Amino acid sequence: MSVEPSASGLEPDMSAGVFGAPGSAAPAGSPLGDRIVALGEVTVCSGFPTQLGLILLLSLVGATPIDAAGLLSLPYIVGLSLADAALILLLVWLLLRVHDERPVATFFGTRPTGTELLLGVALVPAALLFTLIAFGVMQWVAPSLHNVPENPLEALIGSPVAAVWFAVVAVVAGGVREEVQRAFILRRFEQHLGGGITGLIVFSVAFGLGHLVQGRDAAIVTGLLGAFWGIVYLKRRSIVAPVVCHATFNLTEILIAYSANSG
């Protein structure tokens, strides 16, 4: 699928293939200034600068990620995740408006929302099956990648209250924020930074690295899942299916972790 410029930004050309030719959506003569601006926007919205800034602010008021028992603090993790989600969503909206781009067209395209919702639900079993297979293959081929015996985040899901808070984070920070973020970054790569496929590779790697605290194997699987959801967006030009699939996938993981921890 390629894109064509319009008065409001980029609109999908449905007559093209899934992605179009690699890099075809990025104008060959894109001015250097536009590329620098796009790179800056991608960096700011990557999540790393915003989270570092929020961590610094939280430290100034005495909040720390480790509680008195030496474990990750649930209120800290939830607060940081939701604050970062709100900040990223605001930044993306502002940057789109600055460039006179329509958020609705960018994130929802022209496909019926109901169809995309059903697609998102239908993709959940595939995402879960892929995850099981990927972890199984890595455990067989490269067991050293499993360097974190217990996922420190899943270990916090030991009570109904914790499960509910993690469910909120899973939907808002996981499903909505990360898919809006991914779509925005892929869009900027299409416009100025080498094309959607380049953006898909770069952001999938970054997405995986952001989950290293859960283990090297988890980071790899997460990066591949991010690529999967990115492909769905590039194909459909709507974040609805990726958001539904991603959020439901996360909720399923939370349910499994809660069942294991409370059993």
Protein backbone atom coordinates (compact mmCIF):
# COMPACT_ATOMS: atom_id res chain seq x y z
CA MET A 1 0.00 0.00 0.00
CA SER A 2 1.40 3.34 -0.95
CA VAL A 3 0.29 6.76 0.12
CA GLU A 4 -0.38 9.92 -1.76
CA PRO A 5 -0.08 13.45 -0.37
CA SER A 6 -3.24 15.43 0.22
CA ALA A 7 -4.09 18.72 1.82
CA SER A 8 -4.39 17.01 5.19
CA GLY A 9 -1.34 14.77 4.99
CA LEU A 10 -1.06 11.25 3.64
CA GLU A 11 -4.05 9.23 2.56
CA PRO A 12 -3.87 5.54 1.61
CA ASP A 13 -3.83 4.56 -2.03
CA MET A 14 -5.93 1.40 -1.90
CA SER A 15 -4.97 0.41 -5.42
CA ALA A 16 -1.40 -0.30 -4.39
CA GLY A 17 0.01 -3.34 -2.60
CA VAL A 18 0.28 -3.93 1.13
CA PHE A 19 3.19 -1.59 1.66
CA GLY A 20 4.03 -0.31 -1.79
CA ALA A 21 7.68 -0.38 -2.78
CA PRO A 22 9.96 0.01 0.24
CA GLY A 23 10.48 3.67 0.85
CA SER A 24 8.18 4.67 -2.00
CA ALA A 25 6.01 6.75 0.32
CA ALA A 26 8.94 8.91 1.41
CA PRO A 27 9.51 11.65 -1.17
CA ALA A 28 12.95 11.32 -2.73
CA GLY A 29 13.36 15.08 -2.57
CA SER A 30 12.18 15.49 1.02
CA PRO A 31 14.06 18.55 2.32
CA LEU A 32 16.73 17.96 4.92
CA GLY A 33 14.92 20.25 7.32
CA ASP A 34 11.76 18.15 7.07
CA ARG A 35 13.76 14.99 7.72
CA ILE A 36 15.40 16.51 10.78
CA VAL A 37 12.02 17.64 12.12
CA ALA A 38 10.52 14.19 11.48
CA LEU A 39 13.46 12.51 13.21
CA GLY A 40 13.02 14.80 16.19
CA GLU A 41 9.31 14.03 16.36
CA VAL A 42 9.95 10.29 16.17
CA THR A 43 12.54 10.54 18.93
CA VAL A 44 10.30 12.59 21.22
CA CYS A 45 7.36 10.24 20.66
CA SER A 46 9.42 7.06 20.99
CA GLY A 47 8.64 6.94 24.69
CA PHE A 48 12.22 7.03 25.93
CA PRO A 49 12.55 10.83 26.45
CA THR A 50 9.09 11.14 28.00
CA GLN A 51 9.63 8.27 30.41
CA LEU A 52 13.06 9.55 31.43
CA GLY A 53 11.56 12.98 32.07
CA LEU A 54 8.72 11.54 34.13
CA ILE A 55 11.12 9.34 36.12
CA LEU A 56 13.18 12.44 36.92
CA LEU A 57 10.09 14.36 38.03
CA LEU A 58 8.94 11.45 40.19
CA SER A 59 12.37 11.20 41.80
CA LEU A 60 12.22 14.91 42.67
CA VAL A 61 9.07 14.29 44.71
CA GLY A 62 10.57 11.25 46.39
CA ALA A 63 8.83 8.52 44.39
CA THR A 64 10.93 5.46 43.62
CA PRO A 65 10.26 2.33 41.54
CA ILE A 66 11.25 0.03 44.44
CA ASP A 67 9.10 -0.28 47.56
CA ALA A 68 10.15 -0.93 51.16
CA ALA A 69 10.16 -4.69 50.54
CA GLY A 70 12.66 -4.34 47.70
CA LEU A 71 10.07 -5.11 45.02
CA LEU A 72 8.76 -3.07 42.12
CA SER A 73 6.20 -0.56 43.34
CA LEU A 74 2.76 -1.11 41.81
CA PRO A 75 1.60 2.52 42.27
CA TYR A 76 4.83 3.76 40.69
CA ILE A 77 4.56 1.47 37.66
CA VAL A 78 0.88 2.26 37.13
CA GLY A 79 1.36 6.00 37.61
CA LEU A 80 4.37 6.18 35.31
CA SER A 81 2.68 4.10 32.60
CA LEU A 82 -0.55 6.10 32.58
CA ALA A 83 1.22 9.48 32.78
CA ASP A 84 3.50 8.54 29.90
CA ALA A 85 0.54 7.30 27.87
CA ALA A 86 -1.29 10.60 28.37
CA LEU A 87 1.83 12.57 27.46
CA ILE A 88 2.53 10.58 24.30
CA LEU A 89 -1.08 10.81 23.13
CA LEU A 90 -1.05 14.58 23.69
CA LEU A 91 2.27 15.01 21.87
CA VAL A 92 1.11 12.96 18.88
CA TRP A 93 -2.13 14.94 18.63
CA LEU A 94 -0.30 18.27 18.87
CA LEU A 95 2.29 17.30 16.26
CA LEU A 96 -0.38 16.16 13.83
CA ARG A 97 -2.28 19.41 14.27
CA VAL A 98 0.89 21.49 13.85
CA HIS A 99 1.35 19.87 10.42
CA ASP A 100 -2.35 20.26 9.58
CA GLU A 101 -2.86 16.49 9.59
CA ARG A 102 -6.15 14.95 10.66
CA PRO A 103 -5.83 12.52 13.59
CA VAL A 104 -9.03 10.69 12.62
CA ALA A 105 -7.83 10.11 9.06
CA THR A 106 -4.39 9.08 10.33
CA PHE A 107 -5.56 6.53 12.88
CA PHE A 108 -8.90 5.27 11.56
CA GLY A 109 -8.64 5.56 7.79
CA THR A 110 -11.77 4.76 5.82
CA ARG A 111 -12.51 1.17 6.83
CA PRO A 112 -15.66 0.37 8.87
CA THR A 113 -14.86 0.37 12.58
CA GLY A 114 -16.98 -2.71 13.21
CA THR A 115 -15.03 -4.72 10.66
CA GLU A 116 -11.75 -3.64 12.23
CA LEU A 117 -12.98 -4.54 15.71
CA LEU A 118 -13.86 -8.05 14.57
CA LEU A 119 -10.50 -8.38 12.83
CA GLY A 120 -8.71 -7.36 16.01
CA VAL A 121 -10.53 -10.04 18.00
CA ALA A 122 -9.85 -12.63 15.31
CA LEU A 123 -6.12 -11.87 15.41
CA VAL A 124 -5.78 -12.53 19.15
CA PRO A 125 -5.48 -16.35 18.86
CA ALA A 126 -2.81 -15.92 16.20
CA ALA A 127 -0.83 -13.56 18.45
CA LEU A 128 -1.10 -15.93 21.41
CA LEU A 129 -0.13 -18.97 19.33
CA PHE A 130 2.83 -17.11 17.84
CA THR A 131 3.99 -16.14 21.33
CA LEU A 132 3.84 -19.73 22.58
CA ILE A 133 5.73 -21.03 19.55
CA ALA A 134 8.36 -18.27 19.70
CA PHE A 135 9.09 -18.83 23.39
CA GLY A 136 9.20 -22.59 22.83
CA VAL A 137 11.64 -22.30 19.93
CA MET A 138 13.94 -19.95 21.86
CA GLN A 139 13.87 -22.20 24.92
CA TRP A 140 14.94 -25.09 22.69
CA VAL A 141 17.47 -23.29 20.47
CA ALA A 142 18.84 -20.58 22.79
CA PRO A 143 17.79 -21.19 26.42
CA SER A 144 20.28 -18.56 27.60
CA LEU A 145 17.93 -15.89 26.27
CA HIS A 146 15.63 -16.70 29.19
CA ASN A 147 17.69 -14.61 31.60
CA VAL A 148 14.82 -13.42 33.83
CA PRO A 149 13.33 -16.41 35.72
CA GLU A 150 10.21 -14.50 36.79
CA ASN A 151 8.73 -11.57 34.93
CA PRO A 152 8.97 -8.74 37.51
CA LEU A 153 5.80 -7.07 36.24
CA GLU A 154 3.70 -10.23 36.21
CA ALA A 155 4.92 -10.96 39.74
CA LEU A 156 3.02 -7.87 40.92
CA ILE A 157 -0.34 -9.26 39.78
CA GLY A 158 -1.17 -11.07 42.99
CA SER A 159 -4.47 -9.49 44.02
CA PRO A 160 -7.72 -8.48 42.32
CA VAL A 161 -6.86 -4.80 42.84
CA ALA A 162 -3.46 -5.22 41.21
CA ALA A 163 -5.02 -7.15 38.34
CA VAL A 164 -7.55 -4.38 37.73
CA TRP A 165 -4.87 -1.68 37.70
CA PHE A 166 -2.73 -3.71 35.34
CA ALA A 167 -5.78 -4.22 33.13
CA VAL A 168 -6.22 -0.45 32.91
CA VAL A 169 -2.56 -0.06 32.00
CA ALA A 170 -2.84 -2.91 29.48
CA VAL A 171 -5.63 -1.16 27.61
CA VAL A 172 -4.59 2.50 27.91
CA ALA A 173 -0.79 2.32 27.87
CA GLY A 174 -0.50 -0.96 25.99
CA GLY A 175 -3.32 -1.09 23.50
CA VAL A 176 -4.14 2.55 22.81
CA ARG A 177 -0.93 4.46 23.50
CA GLU A 178 1.48 2.03 21.87
CA GLU A 179 -0.59 1.59 18.71
CA VAL A 180 -1.17 5.34 18.30
CA GLN A 181 2.54 5.82 18.84
CA ARG A 182 3.44 3.09 16.36
CA ALA A 183 1.11 4.46 13.67
CA PHE A 184 2.46 7.99 14.10
CA ILE A 185 6.08 6.87 13.87
CA LEU A 186 5.42 4.66 10.83
CA ARG A 187 3.69 7.63 9.20
CA ARG A 188 6.70 9.88 9.76
CA PHE A 189 9.02 7.24 8.30
CA GLU A 190 6.75 6.98 5.26
CA GLN A 191 6.77 10.72 4.76
CA HIS A 192 10.41 11.63 5.37
CA LEU A 193 12.61 8.85 6.77
CA GLY A 194 12.90 6.06 4.22
CA GLY A 195 9.50 4.41 4.09
CA GLY A 196 7.14 2.35 6.20
CA ILE A 197 9.19 -0.85 6.14
CA THR A 198 12.24 1.01 7.45
CA GLY A 199 10.10 2.45 10.21
CA LEU A 200 8.62 -0.95 10.96
CA ILE A 201 12.07 -2.47 11.47
CA VAL A 202 13.48 0.43 13.50
CA PHE A 203 10.51 0.82 15.82
CA SER A 204 10.04 -2.92 16.31
CA VAL A 205 13.62 -3.16 17.55
CA ALA A 206 13.08 -0.17 19.84
CA PHE A 207 9.78 -1.64 21.03
CA GLY A 208 11.50 -4.87 21.98
CA LEU A 209 14.37 -3.11 23.74
CA GLY A 210 11.85 -1.26 25.86
CA HIS A 211 10.80 -4.61 27.36
CA LEU A 212 14.27 -5.92 28.26
CA VAL A 213 13.40 -5.76 31.96
CA GLN A 214 11.17 -8.76 31.29
CA GLY A 215 14.05 -10.77 29.80
CA ARG A 216 15.88 -11.05 26.49
CA ASP A 217 13.47 -13.66 25.20
CA ALA A 218 10.48 -11.50 26.12
CA ALA A 219 12.09 -8.50 24.41
CA ILE A 220 12.53 -10.46 21.18
CA VAL A 221 8.97 -11.78 21.18
CA THR A 222 7.61 -8.33 22.03
CA GLY A 223 9.55 -6.78 19.17
CA LEU A 224 8.15 -9.36 16.76
CA LEU A 225 4.62 -8.78 18.04
CA GLY A 226 5.14 -5.07 17.53
CA ALA A 227 6.14 -5.76 13.93
CA PHE A 228 3.00 -7.86 13.50
CA TRP A 229 0.73 -5.06 14.76
CA GLY A 230 2.65 -2.58 12.63
CA ILE A 231 2.05 -4.68 9.53
CA VAL A 232 -1.66 -4.76 10.30
CA TYR A 233 -1.70 -0.96 10.50
CA LEU A 234 0.25 -0.52 7.28
CA LYS A 235 -2.12 -2.92 5.56
CA ARG A 236 -5.38 -1.58 6.99
CA ARG A 237 -4.52 2.08 7.63
CA SER A 238 -6.48 1.86 10.88
CA ILE A 239 -5.29 1.32 14.43
CA VAL A 240 -8.57 -0.28 15.52
CA ALA A 241 -7.57 -3.90 14.85
CA PRO A 242 -4.06 -3.50 16.34
CA VAL A 243 -5.47 -1.76 19.43
CA VAL A 244 -8.11 -4.45 20.00
CA CYS A 245 -5.67 -7.31 19.40
CA HIS A 246 -2.90 -5.74 21.50
CA ALA A 247 -5.17 -4.83 24.41
CA THR A 248 -6.90 -8.23 24.43
CA PHE A 249 -3.54 -9.99 24.22
CA ASN A 250 -2.30 -8.01 27.23
CA LEU A 251 -5.49 -8.70 29.19
CA THR A 252 -5.12 -12.41 28.49
CA GLU A 253 -1.56 -12.31 29.84
CA ILE A 254 -2.78 -10.52 32.97
CA LEU A 255 -5.49 -13.13 33.52
CA ILE A 256 -2.94 -15.94 33.16
CA ALA A 257 -0.50 -14.23 35.55
CA TYR A 258 -3.22 -13.55 38.12
CA SER A 259 -4.41 -17.15 37.96
CA ALA A 260 -0.86 -18.41 38.44
CA ASN A 261 -0.04 -16.01 41.29
CA SER A 262 -3.30 -16.51 43.19
CA GLY A 263 -3.44 -20.26 42.70
